[in-house]
Amino acid sequence: MTVQPPASPDSSAAAAPTTMSELDKLEAGLEYRYDDPAVARRKDTASALCRRLNDCDPLDAAAREAAARELLGSAGEGLDIQPGFHCDYGKNIHVGRSFTANYNVTILDGAPVRIGDYCMVGPNTTIATTGHPLSAAARRERKAVSRPITIGDDVWLGGNVTVLPGVTIGSNVVVAAGAVVTKDVPGGSVVAGVPARVVRTLNGD
């Protein structure tokens, strides 16, 4: 899980009603305990399915695709996920047509991750919906907050990219290798750096 920079001077999550379960809080976008048994079971299930996917014969494309489809929430035609893939839940991941994830991609999908058509994710990239409080006391209590990530069509995330919670990336975007995306990215652009900034505008083709 990654640390999300505070959006405002008060970075604490909204207080949840005491009757809500930790899983309810997670799904409502509120602060929750990630060591709660129901939350942890999601991750355990995903870990088992990730292992099944990663243990597939790399030459058996059909078996790899079937294992990937069992893991994800939804996927269009042309799904290709290379070995070393990991996620927190799987069912919160929705990808479009011709999605490619290169080696060692991690998607922490406590909240929904929606990725459009014809997208490529480079090796060692992390897409993380989940962050932790700035308060040390809250971190000791295993608190977390998950915020959705949305990525448009025709997006290329280069190798070693990190996308942080709550970010929306428009369509026809290239994120340069090693960039850390901390805020929304407009469509038709190239972003690079830490934090990522627009360095070039792309013409539609």
N, C-alpha and C. Protein backbone atom coordinates (compact mmCIF):
# COMPACT_ATOMS: atom_id res chain seq x y z
N MET A 1 0.83 -1.20 0.00
CA MET A 1 0.00 0.00 0.00
C MET A 1 0.86 1.25 0.00
N THR A 2 0.33 2.33 -0.51
CA THR A 2 1.13 3.53 -0.67
C THR A 2 0.58 4.67 0.17
N VAL A 3 1.44 5.63 0.42
CA VAL A 3 1.03 6.83 1.15
C VAL A 3 0.50 7.85 0.16
N GLN A 4 -0.71 8.33 0.36
CA GLN A 4 -1.29 9.34 -0.50
C GLN A 4 -1.08 10.71 0.13
N PRO A 5 -0.48 11.66 -0.60
CA PRO A 5 -0.31 13.00 -0.05
C PRO A 5 -1.66 13.61 0.31
N PRO A 6 -1.73 14.40 1.40
CA PRO A 6 -3.00 14.99 1.80
C PRO A 6 -3.54 15.94 0.76
N ALA A 7 -4.85 15.86 0.52
CA ALA A 7 -5.49 16.75 -0.44
C ALA A 7 -5.76 18.12 0.16
N SER A 8 -5.75 18.21 1.48
CA SER A 8 -6.03 19.46 2.18
C SER A 8 -5.32 19.41 3.51
N PRO A 9 -5.25 20.53 4.26
CA PRO A 9 -4.58 20.51 5.56
C PRO A 9 -5.17 19.47 6.50
N ASP A 10 -6.48 19.19 6.39
CA ASP A 10 -7.09 18.15 7.21
C ASP A 10 -7.23 16.91 6.36
N SER A 11 -6.33 15.93 6.52
CA SER A 11 -6.32 14.75 5.66
C SER A 11 -7.07 13.58 6.26
N SER A 12 -7.72 13.77 7.42
CA SER A 12 -8.42 12.67 8.06
C SER A 12 -9.66 12.31 7.28
N ALA A 13 -10.00 11.01 7.29
CA ALA A 13 -11.19 10.56 6.59
C ALA A 13 -12.42 10.88 7.42
N ALA A 14 -13.58 10.90 6.73
CA ALA A 14 -14.83 11.17 7.43
C ALA A 14 -15.11 10.08 8.45
N ALA A 15 -15.70 10.48 9.56
CA ALA A 15 -16.04 9.52 10.60
C ALA A 15 -17.15 8.60 10.12
N ALA A 16 -17.04 7.32 10.44
CA ALA A 16 -18.04 6.34 10.02
C ALA A 16 -18.98 6.02 11.16
N PRO A 17 -20.25 5.74 10.88
CA PRO A 17 -21.16 5.29 11.92
C PRO A 17 -20.62 4.03 12.59
N THR A 18 -20.81 3.94 13.88
CA THR A 18 -20.23 2.81 14.63
C THR A 18 -20.86 1.48 14.24
N THR A 19 -22.04 1.50 13.61
CA THR A 19 -22.70 0.24 13.24
C THR A 19 -22.16 -0.35 11.94
N MET A 20 -21.34 0.41 11.21
CA MET A 20 -20.82 -0.09 9.93
C MET A 20 -19.70 -1.10 10.17
N SER A 21 -19.70 -2.15 9.36
CA SER A 21 -18.58 -3.08 9.41
C SER A 21 -17.37 -2.43 8.73
N GLU A 22 -16.18 -3.01 8.94
CA GLU A 22 -14.98 -2.47 8.30
C GLU A 22 -15.07 -2.61 6.78
N LEU A 23 -15.70 -3.69 6.32
CA LEU A 23 -15.89 -3.87 4.89
C LEU A 23 -16.84 -2.82 4.32
N ASP A 24 -17.90 -2.51 5.08
CA ASP A 24 -18.83 -1.44 4.66
C ASP A 24 -18.09 -0.10 4.54
N LYS A 25 -17.23 0.18 5.52
CA LYS A 25 -16.47 1.42 5.50
C LYS A 25 -15.56 1.49 4.28
N LEU A 26 -14.90 0.38 3.98
CA LEU A 26 -14.02 0.33 2.81
C LEU A 26 -14.83 0.67 1.56
N GLU A 27 -15.96 0.02 1.39
CA GLU A 27 -16.75 0.21 0.17
C GLU A 27 -17.39 1.59 0.10
N ALA A 28 -17.55 2.25 1.25
CA ALA A 28 -18.11 3.60 1.27
C ALA A 28 -17.05 4.68 1.12
N GLY A 29 -15.79 4.28 0.99
CA GLY A 29 -14.70 5.25 0.85
C GLY A 29 -14.29 5.89 2.16
N LEU A 30 -14.60 5.23 3.28
CA LEU A 30 -14.26 5.74 4.60
C LEU A 30 -13.02 5.04 5.14
N GLU A 31 -12.47 5.57 6.20
CA GLU A 31 -11.32 4.94 6.84
C GLU A 31 -11.73 3.60 7.43
N TYR A 32 -10.91 2.58 7.22
CA TYR A 32 -11.23 1.23 7.68
C TYR A 32 -9.96 0.54 8.17
N ARG A 33 -10.15 -0.56 8.86
CA ARG A 33 -9.01 -1.37 9.33
C ARG A 33 -8.73 -2.45 8.30
N TYR A 34 -7.52 -2.44 7.75
CA TYR A 34 -7.21 -3.42 6.73
C TYR A 34 -6.88 -4.79 7.30
N ASP A 35 -6.73 -4.89 8.63
CA ASP A 35 -6.52 -6.21 9.24
C ASP A 35 -7.83 -6.84 9.71
N ASP A 36 -8.97 -6.21 9.41
CA ASP A 36 -10.26 -6.80 9.73
C ASP A 36 -10.40 -8.14 8.99
N PRO A 37 -10.96 -9.17 9.64
CA PRO A 37 -11.02 -10.49 9.00
C PRO A 37 -11.73 -10.51 7.65
N ALA A 38 -12.84 -9.78 7.52
CA ALA A 38 -13.57 -9.78 6.24
C ALA A 38 -12.76 -9.09 5.15
N VAL A 39 -12.07 -8.01 5.50
CA VAL A 39 -11.21 -7.33 4.52
C VAL A 39 -10.03 -8.22 4.15
N ALA A 40 -9.44 -8.84 5.16
CA ALA A 40 -8.29 -9.71 4.92
C ALA A 40 -8.64 -10.91 4.07
N ARG A 41 -9.87 -11.44 4.22
CA ARG A 41 -10.27 -12.59 3.40
C ARG A 41 -10.27 -12.25 1.92
N ARG A 42 -10.68 -11.02 1.59
CA ARG A 42 -10.64 -10.60 0.19
C ARG A 42 -9.22 -10.71 -0.36
N LYS A 43 -8.28 -10.22 0.41
CA LYS A 43 -6.89 -10.24 -0.04
C LYS A 43 -6.37 -11.66 -0.14
N ASP A 44 -6.74 -12.52 0.82
CA ASP A 44 -6.29 -13.91 0.79
C ASP A 44 -6.81 -14.62 -0.46
N THR A 45 -8.09 -14.37 -0.78
CA THR A 45 -8.67 -14.98 -1.98
C THR A 45 -7.95 -14.50 -3.23
N ALA A 46 -7.70 -13.19 -3.29
CA ALA A 46 -7.00 -12.63 -4.45
C ALA A 46 -5.58 -13.19 -4.55
N SER A 47 -4.92 -13.34 -3.42
CA SER A 47 -3.56 -13.88 -3.43
C SER A 47 -3.52 -15.28 -4.02
N ALA A 48 -4.53 -16.10 -3.66
CA ALA A 48 -4.59 -17.46 -4.19
C ALA A 48 -4.83 -17.45 -5.70
N LEU A 49 -5.73 -16.57 -6.17
CA LEU A 49 -6.00 -16.50 -7.60
C LEU A 49 -4.81 -15.92 -8.37
N CYS A 50 -4.10 -14.95 -7.76
CA CYS A 50 -2.89 -14.43 -8.39
C CYS A 50 -1.83 -15.52 -8.53
N ARG A 51 -1.72 -16.34 -7.51
CA ARG A 51 -0.74 -17.43 -7.60
C ARG A 51 -1.11 -18.39 -8.73
N ARG A 52 -2.41 -18.69 -8.85
CA ARG A 52 -2.85 -19.57 -9.93
C ARG A 52 -2.49 -18.97 -11.29
N LEU A 53 -2.72 -17.66 -11.44
CA LEU A 53 -2.39 -16.99 -12.69
C LEU A 53 -0.89 -17.02 -12.94
N ASN A 54 -0.11 -16.67 -11.93
CA ASN A 54 1.33 -16.57 -12.10
C ASN A 54 2.01 -17.93 -12.27
N ASP A 55 1.33 -19.01 -11.83
CA ASP A 55 1.88 -20.35 -11.99
C ASP A 55 1.54 -20.98 -13.34
N CYS A 56 0.73 -20.30 -14.14
CA CYS A 56 0.38 -20.85 -15.45
C CYS A 56 1.61 -20.98 -16.34
N ASP A 57 1.57 -21.99 -17.21
CA ASP A 57 2.62 -22.15 -18.21
C ASP A 57 2.66 -20.88 -19.08
N PRO A 58 3.80 -20.18 -19.13
CA PRO A 58 3.86 -18.94 -19.92
C PRO A 58 3.58 -19.15 -21.41
N LEU A 59 3.68 -20.40 -21.89
CA LEU A 59 3.39 -20.68 -23.29
C LEU A 59 1.93 -21.04 -23.53
N ASP A 60 1.15 -21.17 -22.46
CA ASP A 60 -0.27 -21.53 -22.58
C ASP A 60 -1.11 -20.26 -22.42
N ALA A 61 -1.24 -19.52 -23.51
CA ALA A 61 -1.94 -18.24 -23.47
C ALA A 61 -3.39 -18.39 -23.04
N ALA A 62 -4.04 -19.48 -23.47
CA ALA A 62 -5.45 -19.68 -23.13
C ALA A 62 -5.64 -19.88 -21.63
N ALA A 63 -4.76 -20.66 -21.02
CA ALA A 63 -4.86 -20.89 -19.57
C ALA A 63 -4.59 -19.61 -18.79
N ARG A 64 -3.61 -18.83 -19.24
CA ARG A 64 -3.30 -17.57 -18.57
C ARG A 64 -4.49 -16.61 -18.65
N GLU A 65 -5.10 -16.54 -19.82
CA GLU A 65 -6.23 -15.63 -19.98
C GLU A 65 -7.41 -16.08 -19.13
N ALA A 66 -7.67 -17.39 -19.07
CA ALA A 66 -8.77 -17.90 -18.26
C ALA A 66 -8.55 -17.59 -16.78
N ALA A 67 -7.33 -17.76 -16.30
CA ALA A 67 -7.02 -17.47 -14.91
C ALA A 67 -7.17 -15.99 -14.61
N ALA A 68 -6.76 -15.15 -15.57
CA ALA A 68 -6.88 -13.70 -15.39
C ALA A 68 -8.35 -13.28 -15.34
N ARG A 69 -9.17 -13.87 -16.19
CA ARG A 69 -10.59 -13.51 -16.20
C ARG A 69 -11.29 -13.96 -14.92
N GLU A 70 -10.85 -15.06 -14.34
CA GLU A 70 -11.41 -15.50 -13.06
C GLU A 70 -11.06 -14.51 -11.95
N LEU A 71 -9.91 -13.90 -12.04
CA LEU A 71 -9.43 -12.97 -11.01
C LEU A 71 -10.09 -11.60 -11.12
N LEU A 72 -10.20 -11.06 -12.34
CA LEU A 72 -10.66 -9.68 -12.51
C LEU A 72 -12.18 -9.57 -12.44
N GLY A 73 -12.64 -8.33 -12.21
CA GLY A 73 -14.07 -8.06 -12.21
C GLY A 73 -14.66 -8.16 -13.60
N SER A 74 -13.99 -7.58 -14.60
CA SER A 74 -14.43 -7.68 -15.98
C SER A 74 -13.26 -7.33 -16.89
N ALA A 75 -13.31 -7.85 -18.12
CA ALA A 75 -12.25 -7.58 -19.08
C ALA A 75 -12.79 -7.77 -20.49
N GLY A 76 -12.35 -6.91 -21.41
CA GLY A 76 -12.72 -7.05 -22.81
C GLY A 76 -11.88 -8.11 -23.49
N GLU A 77 -12.08 -8.25 -24.80
CA GLU A 77 -11.32 -9.24 -25.57
C GLU A 77 -9.86 -8.81 -25.67
N GLY A 78 -8.99 -9.80 -25.81
CA GLY A 78 -7.57 -9.50 -25.99
C GLY A 78 -6.85 -9.22 -24.68
N LEU A 79 -7.21 -9.94 -23.62
CA LEU A 79 -6.60 -9.73 -22.31
C LEU A 79 -5.25 -10.43 -22.24
N ASP A 80 -4.23 -9.70 -21.78
CA ASP A 80 -2.87 -10.26 -21.69
C ASP A 80 -2.21 -9.75 -20.42
N ILE A 81 -2.04 -10.65 -19.43
CA ILE A 81 -1.37 -10.30 -18.18
C ILE A 81 -0.18 -11.22 -18.00
N GLN A 82 1.00 -10.64 -17.92
CA GLN A 82 2.24 -11.39 -17.80
C GLN A 82 2.50 -11.80 -16.34
N PRO A 83 3.41 -12.74 -16.11
CA PRO A 83 3.67 -13.23 -14.75
C PRO A 83 4.14 -12.12 -13.80
N GLY A 84 3.89 -12.38 -12.52
CA GLY A 84 4.27 -11.44 -11.47
C GLY A 84 3.17 -10.46 -11.13
N PHE A 85 1.93 -10.73 -11.56
CA PHE A 85 0.81 -9.84 -11.30
C PHE A 85 0.28 -10.06 -9.89
N HIS A 86 -0.04 -8.94 -9.20
CA HIS A 86 -0.60 -9.02 -7.85
C HIS A 86 -1.69 -7.98 -7.67
N CYS A 87 -2.68 -8.29 -6.84
CA CYS A 87 -3.74 -7.34 -6.54
C CYS A 87 -4.30 -7.63 -5.15
N ASP A 88 -5.12 -6.69 -4.65
CA ASP A 88 -5.71 -6.82 -3.33
C ASP A 88 -7.04 -7.58 -3.34
N TYR A 89 -7.78 -7.46 -4.44
CA TYR A 89 -9.13 -8.01 -4.48
C TYR A 89 -9.43 -8.62 -5.84
N GLY A 90 -9.11 -7.94 -6.89
CA GLY A 90 -9.33 -8.45 -8.24
C GLY A 90 -10.66 -8.06 -8.83
N LYS A 91 -11.73 -8.27 -8.07
CA LYS A 91 -13.06 -7.99 -8.59
C LYS A 91 -13.33 -6.50 -8.75
N ASN A 92 -12.48 -5.65 -8.19
CA ASN A 92 -12.61 -4.20 -8.39
C ASN A 92 -11.84 -3.71 -9.62
N ILE A 93 -11.23 -4.63 -10.35
CA ILE A 93 -10.45 -4.25 -11.53
C ILE A 93 -11.29 -4.52 -12.78
N HIS A 94 -11.49 -3.47 -13.58
CA HIS A 94 -12.28 -3.57 -14.80
C HIS A 94 -11.46 -2.98 -15.95
N VAL A 95 -11.15 -3.80 -16.94
CA VAL A 95 -10.32 -3.35 -18.06
C VAL A 95 -11.06 -3.58 -19.37
N GLY A 96 -10.74 -2.74 -20.37
CA GLY A 96 -11.39 -2.82 -21.67
C GLY A 96 -10.69 -3.77 -22.62
N ARG A 97 -10.91 -3.55 -23.91
CA ARG A 97 -10.32 -4.40 -24.94
C ARG A 97 -8.81 -4.20 -25.04
N SER A 98 -8.13 -5.28 -25.40
CA SER A 98 -6.69 -5.26 -25.68
C SER A 98 -5.90 -4.65 -24.53
N PHE A 99 -6.15 -5.15 -23.33
CA PHE A 99 -5.40 -4.70 -22.15
C PHE A 99 -4.16 -5.56 -21.99
N THR A 100 -3.02 -4.90 -21.79
CA THR A 100 -1.76 -5.61 -21.56
C THR A 100 -1.12 -5.12 -20.28
N ALA A 101 -0.77 -6.06 -19.42
CA ALA A 101 0.02 -5.77 -18.21
C ALA A 101 1.33 -6.54 -18.33
N ASN A 102 2.44 -5.83 -18.34
CA ASN A 102 3.74 -6.47 -18.45
C ASN A 102 4.13 -7.09 -17.11
N TYR A 103 5.37 -7.55 -17.00
CA TYR A 103 5.80 -8.29 -15.81
C TYR A 103 5.73 -7.45 -14.53
N ASN A 104 5.33 -8.12 -13.45
CA ASN A 104 5.40 -7.56 -12.09
C ASN A 104 4.56 -6.30 -11.91
N VAL A 105 3.36 -6.32 -12.45
CA VAL A 105 2.41 -5.23 -12.24
C VAL A 105 1.61 -5.50 -10.97
N THR A 106 1.41 -4.46 -10.16
CA THR A 106 0.60 -4.56 -8.94
C THR A 106 -0.55 -3.56 -9.01
N ILE A 107 -1.76 -4.03 -8.77
CA ILE A 107 -2.93 -3.16 -8.70
C ILE A 107 -3.58 -3.37 -7.34
N LEU A 108 -3.48 -2.37 -6.46
CA LEU A 108 -4.10 -2.43 -5.14
C LEU A 108 -5.51 -1.86 -5.28
N ASP A 109 -6.46 -2.77 -5.44
CA ASP A 109 -7.82 -2.38 -5.82
C ASP A 109 -8.80 -2.47 -4.65
N GLY A 110 -8.46 -1.81 -3.53
CA GLY A 110 -9.44 -1.70 -2.46
C GLY A 110 -10.68 -0.97 -2.95
N ALA A 111 -10.49 0.04 -3.78
CA ALA A 111 -11.56 0.75 -4.48
C ALA A 111 -11.48 0.38 -5.96
N PRO A 112 -12.54 0.67 -6.73
CA PRO A 112 -12.54 0.29 -8.14
C PRO A 112 -11.41 0.92 -8.95
N VAL A 113 -10.84 0.13 -9.85
CA VAL A 113 -9.88 0.59 -10.84
C VAL A 113 -10.49 0.29 -12.21
N ARG A 114 -10.77 1.34 -12.98
CA ARG A 114 -11.40 1.18 -14.29
C ARG A 114 -10.42 1.67 -15.35
N ILE A 115 -10.09 0.79 -16.28
CA ILE A 115 -9.11 1.06 -17.32
C ILE A 115 -9.78 0.82 -18.67
N GLY A 116 -9.61 1.77 -19.60
CA GLY A 116 -10.30 1.70 -20.88
C GLY A 116 -9.68 0.74 -21.87
N ASP A 117 -10.00 0.95 -23.15
CA ASP A 117 -9.55 0.08 -24.23
C ASP A 117 -8.13 0.42 -24.68
N TYR A 118 -7.43 -0.59 -25.14
CA TYR A 118 -6.11 -0.44 -25.77
C TYR A 118 -5.10 0.22 -24.82
N CYS A 119 -5.07 -0.26 -23.60
CA CYS A 119 -4.13 0.28 -22.60
C CYS A 119 -3.00 -0.70 -22.35
N MET A 120 -1.82 -0.15 -22.08
CA MET A 120 -0.63 -0.95 -21.79
C MET A 120 -0.02 -0.46 -20.47
N VAL A 121 0.33 -1.42 -19.62
CA VAL A 121 0.94 -1.11 -18.33
C VAL A 121 2.33 -1.73 -18.30
N GLY A 122 3.34 -0.90 -18.12
CA GLY A 122 4.72 -1.35 -18.18
C GLY A 122 5.15 -2.15 -16.96
N PRO A 123 6.30 -2.82 -17.03
CA PRO A 123 6.77 -3.66 -15.94
C PRO A 123 7.04 -2.88 -14.66
N ASN A 124 6.78 -3.56 -13.54
CA ASN A 124 7.04 -3.02 -12.20
C ASN A 124 6.22 -1.78 -11.88
N THR A 125 5.07 -1.64 -12.53
CA THR A 125 4.19 -0.50 -12.28
C THR A 125 3.20 -0.84 -11.18
N THR A 126 2.86 0.18 -10.37
CA THR A 126 1.89 0.03 -9.29
C THR A 126 0.75 1.02 -9.48
N ILE A 127 -0.46 0.51 -9.46
CA ILE A 127 -1.68 1.32 -9.46
C ILE A 127 -2.34 1.09 -8.12
N ALA A 128 -2.34 2.11 -7.26
CA ALA A 128 -2.72 1.91 -5.86
C ALA A 128 -3.89 2.80 -5.47
N THR A 129 -5.03 2.19 -5.18
CA THR A 129 -6.17 2.96 -4.69
C THR A 129 -6.11 3.21 -3.20
N THR A 130 -5.22 2.53 -2.51
CA THR A 130 -5.22 2.54 -1.05
C THR A 130 -4.04 3.30 -0.47
N GLY A 131 -4.32 4.18 0.48
CA GLY A 131 -3.30 4.91 1.21
C GLY A 131 -3.56 4.82 2.70
N HIS A 132 -2.73 5.48 3.48
CA HIS A 132 -2.82 5.40 4.94
C HIS A 132 -2.81 6.80 5.55
N PRO A 133 -3.31 6.95 6.78
CA PRO A 133 -3.36 8.26 7.42
C PRO A 133 -1.96 8.81 7.71
N LEU A 134 -1.86 10.14 7.83
CA LEU A 134 -0.62 10.75 8.26
C LEU A 134 -0.40 10.56 9.75
N SER A 135 -1.46 10.29 10.48
CA SER A 135 -1.36 10.07 11.92
C SER A 135 -0.69 8.74 12.24
N ALA A 136 0.40 8.78 13.02
CA ALA A 136 1.08 7.55 13.41
C ALA A 136 0.17 6.66 14.25
N ALA A 137 -0.64 7.28 15.11
CA ALA A 137 -1.55 6.50 15.96
C ALA A 137 -2.55 5.73 15.11
N ALA A 138 -3.08 6.37 14.07
CA ALA A 138 -4.04 5.69 13.19
C ALA A 138 -3.36 4.57 12.40
N ARG A 139 -2.11 4.79 11.99
CA ARG A 139 -1.41 3.73 11.27
C ARG A 139 -1.15 2.54 12.17
N ARG A 140 -0.89 2.79 13.46
CA ARG A 140 -0.73 1.67 14.40
C ARG A 140 -2.00 0.85 14.51
N GLU A 141 -3.14 1.48 14.28
CA GLU A 141 -4.43 0.79 14.32
C GLU A 141 -4.77 0.14 12.98
N ARG A 142 -3.80 0.11 12.05
CA ARG A 142 -3.96 -0.53 10.75
C ARG A 142 -5.08 0.11 9.93
N LYS A 143 -5.14 1.44 9.96
CA LYS A 143 -6.17 2.16 9.23
C LYS A 143 -5.73 2.42 7.79
N ALA A 144 -6.70 2.48 6.90
CA ALA A 144 -6.45 2.76 5.49
C ALA A 144 -7.67 3.44 4.89
N VAL A 145 -7.48 4.07 3.74
CA VAL A 145 -8.58 4.65 2.96
C VAL A 145 -8.32 4.31 1.49
N SER A 146 -9.36 3.88 0.78
CA SER A 146 -9.23 3.52 -0.63
C SER A 146 -10.08 4.45 -1.49
N ARG A 147 -9.48 4.99 -2.55
CA ARG A 147 -10.17 5.92 -3.45
C ARG A 147 -10.01 5.45 -4.89
N PRO A 148 -11.08 5.48 -5.71
CA PRO A 148 -11.05 4.90 -7.05
C PRO A 148 -10.03 5.56 -7.97
N ILE A 149 -9.59 4.79 -8.95
CA ILE A 149 -8.71 5.27 -10.01
C ILE A 149 -9.38 4.96 -11.35
N THR A 150 -9.38 5.94 -12.25
CA THR A 150 -9.95 5.77 -13.57
C THR A 150 -8.91 6.13 -14.63
N ILE A 151 -8.76 5.26 -15.62
CA ILE A 151 -7.80 5.46 -16.70
C ILE A 151 -8.55 5.30 -18.02
N GLY A 152 -8.38 6.25 -18.94
CA GLY A 152 -9.12 6.25 -20.19
C GLY A 152 -8.60 5.26 -21.21
N ASP A 153 -8.97 5.48 -22.48
CA ASP A 153 -8.54 4.62 -23.59
C ASP A 153 -7.16 5.03 -24.08
N ASP A 154 -6.46 4.06 -24.68
CA ASP A 154 -5.17 4.34 -25.35
C ASP A 154 -4.16 5.00 -24.43
N VAL A 155 -4.04 4.45 -23.24
CA VAL A 155 -3.07 4.97 -22.26
C VAL A 155 -1.91 3.98 -22.15
N TRP A 156 -0.71 4.53 -22.14
CA TRP A 156 0.50 3.73 -21.94
C TRP A 156 1.17 4.22 -20.66
N LEU A 157 1.20 3.34 -19.66
CA LEU A 157 1.96 3.60 -18.44
C LEU A 157 3.30 2.91 -18.60
N GLY A 158 4.38 3.67 -18.59
CA GLY A 158 5.70 3.10 -18.77
C GLY A 158 6.14 2.27 -17.57
N GLY A 159 7.34 1.72 -17.65
CA GLY A 159 7.86 0.90 -16.57
C GLY A 159 8.09 1.70 -15.30
N ASN A 160 7.86 1.04 -14.16
CA ASN A 160 8.12 1.63 -12.84
C ASN A 160 7.29 2.89 -12.56
N VAL A 161 6.12 2.98 -13.17
CA VAL A 161 5.20 4.08 -12.89
C VAL A 161 4.41 3.77 -11.62
N THR A 162 4.05 4.82 -10.87
CA THR A 162 3.16 4.69 -9.73
C THR A 162 1.98 5.64 -9.91
N VAL A 163 0.77 5.10 -9.80
CA VAL A 163 -0.45 5.90 -9.86
C VAL A 163 -1.09 5.86 -8.48
N LEU A 164 -1.28 7.03 -7.86
CA LEU A 164 -1.76 7.11 -6.48
C LEU A 164 -3.28 7.21 -6.40
N PRO A 165 -3.84 7.01 -5.20
CA PRO A 165 -5.29 6.94 -5.02
C PRO A 165 -6.03 8.18 -5.52
N GLY A 166 -7.22 7.92 -6.10
CA GLY A 166 -8.12 8.99 -6.48
C GLY A 166 -7.83 9.65 -7.81
N VAL A 167 -6.82 9.19 -8.54
CA VAL A 167 -6.39 9.83 -9.77
C VAL A 167 -7.27 9.41 -10.95
N THR A 168 -7.53 10.35 -11.85
CA THR A 168 -8.16 10.07 -13.14
C THR A 168 -7.18 10.46 -14.25
N ILE A 169 -6.93 9.54 -15.16
CA ILE A 169 -6.06 9.77 -16.31
C ILE A 169 -6.93 9.74 -17.56
N GLY A 170 -6.85 10.79 -18.36
CA GLY A 170 -7.67 10.86 -19.56
C GLY A 170 -7.21 9.89 -20.64
N SER A 171 -7.87 9.94 -21.80
CA SER A 171 -7.52 9.07 -22.92
C SER A 171 -6.34 9.64 -23.71
N ASN A 172 -5.65 8.72 -24.42
CA ASN A 172 -4.49 9.09 -25.24
C ASN A 172 -3.44 9.81 -24.41
N VAL A 173 -2.97 9.11 -23.39
CA VAL A 173 -1.96 9.64 -22.47
C VAL A 173 -0.78 8.68 -22.41
N VAL A 174 0.42 9.23 -22.36
CA VAL A 174 1.63 8.45 -22.12
C VAL A 174 2.24 8.94 -20.80
N VAL A 175 2.46 8.00 -19.89
CA VAL A 175 3.10 8.31 -18.62
C VAL A 175 4.51 7.75 -18.68
N ALA A 176 5.51 8.63 -18.62
CA ALA A 176 6.90 8.23 -18.80
C ALA A 176 7.37 7.31 -17.69
N ALA A 177 8.34 6.48 -18.01
CA ALA A 177 8.90 5.53 -17.05
C ALA A 177 9.35 6.24 -15.78
N GLY A 178 9.01 5.65 -14.65
CA GLY A 178 9.43 6.17 -13.35
C GLY A 178 8.59 7.30 -12.80
N ALA A 179 7.57 7.74 -13.53
CA ALA A 179 6.74 8.85 -13.07
C ALA A 179 5.85 8.43 -11.90
N VAL A 180 5.53 9.39 -11.05
CA VAL A 180 4.58 9.18 -9.94
C VAL A 180 3.41 10.11 -10.17
N VAL A 181 2.26 9.54 -10.48
CA VAL A 181 1.07 10.32 -10.83
C VAL A 181 0.27 10.59 -9.55
N THR A 182 0.27 11.85 -9.11
CA THR A 182 -0.37 12.22 -7.85
C THR A 182 -1.67 12.99 -8.05
N LYS A 183 -1.93 13.44 -9.30
CA LYS A 183 -3.15 14.20 -9.57
C LYS A 183 -3.65 13.88 -10.97
N ASP A 184 -4.86 14.34 -11.29
CA ASP A 184 -5.47 14.01 -12.57
C ASP A 184 -4.61 14.44 -13.75
N VAL A 185 -4.68 13.66 -14.83
CA VAL A 185 -3.90 13.92 -16.04
C VAL A 185 -4.87 14.18 -17.19
N PRO A 186 -4.74 15.30 -17.91
CA PRO A 186 -5.64 15.58 -19.03
C PRO A 186 -5.36 14.66 -20.21
N GLY A 187 -6.39 14.38 -20.98
CA GLY A 187 -6.22 13.55 -22.16
C GLY A 187 -5.29 14.21 -23.17
N GLY A 188 -4.70 13.38 -24.04
CA GLY A 188 -3.84 13.90 -25.09
C GLY A 188 -2.56 14.51 -24.60
N SER A 189 -1.91 13.88 -23.62
CA SER A 189 -0.70 14.48 -23.07
C SER A 189 0.32 13.42 -22.70
N VAL A 190 1.57 13.87 -22.58
CA VAL A 190 2.66 13.07 -22.02
C VAL A 190 3.01 13.68 -20.67
N VAL A 191 3.09 12.84 -19.64
CA VAL A 191 3.50 13.33 -18.33
C VAL A 191 4.75 12.59 -17.88
N ALA A 192 5.58 13.27 -17.11
CA ALA A 192 6.83 12.68 -16.64
C ALA A 192 7.21 13.33 -15.32
N GLY A 193 8.05 12.61 -14.55
CA GLY A 193 8.62 13.20 -13.35
C GLY A 193 7.95 12.76 -12.06
N VAL A 194 8.51 13.29 -10.97
CA VAL A 194 8.01 13.01 -9.62
C VAL A 194 7.85 14.34 -8.88
N PRO A 195 6.61 14.83 -8.70
CA PRO A 195 5.37 14.25 -9.22
C PRO A 195 5.25 14.47 -10.72
N ALA A 196 4.41 13.67 -11.38
CA ALA A 196 4.26 13.75 -12.83
C ALA A 196 3.64 15.09 -13.24
N ARG A 197 4.20 15.67 -14.29
CA ARG A 197 3.70 16.92 -14.86
C ARG A 197 3.62 16.78 -16.38
N VAL A 198 2.70 17.53 -17.00
CA VAL A 198 2.57 17.50 -18.45
C VAL A 198 3.82 18.08 -19.09
N VAL A 199 4.44 17.34 -19.99
CA VAL A 199 5.64 17.82 -20.68
C VAL A 199 5.43 17.95 -22.17
N ARG A 200 4.30 17.44 -22.66
CA ARG A 200 4.05 17.51 -24.10
C ARG A 200 2.57 17.26 -24.36
N THR A 201 2.04 17.89 -25.40
CA THR A 201 0.67 17.63 -25.83
C THR A 201 0.69 16.75 -27.06
N LEU A 202 -0.21 15.75 -27.08
CA LEU A 202 -0.28 14.83 -28.20
C LEU A 202 -1.44 15.20 -29.11
N ASN A 203 -1.22 15.13 -30.43
CA ASN A 203 -2.30 15.32 -31.38
C ASN A 203 -3.02 14.01 -31.58
N GLY A 204 -4.32 14.05 -31.72
CA GLY A 204 -5.08 12.82 -31.95
C GLY A 204 -4.73 12.22 -33.29
N ASP A 205 -4.69 10.86 -33.34
CA ASP A 205 -4.38 10.19 -34.61
C ASP A 205 -5.51 9.23 -34.96
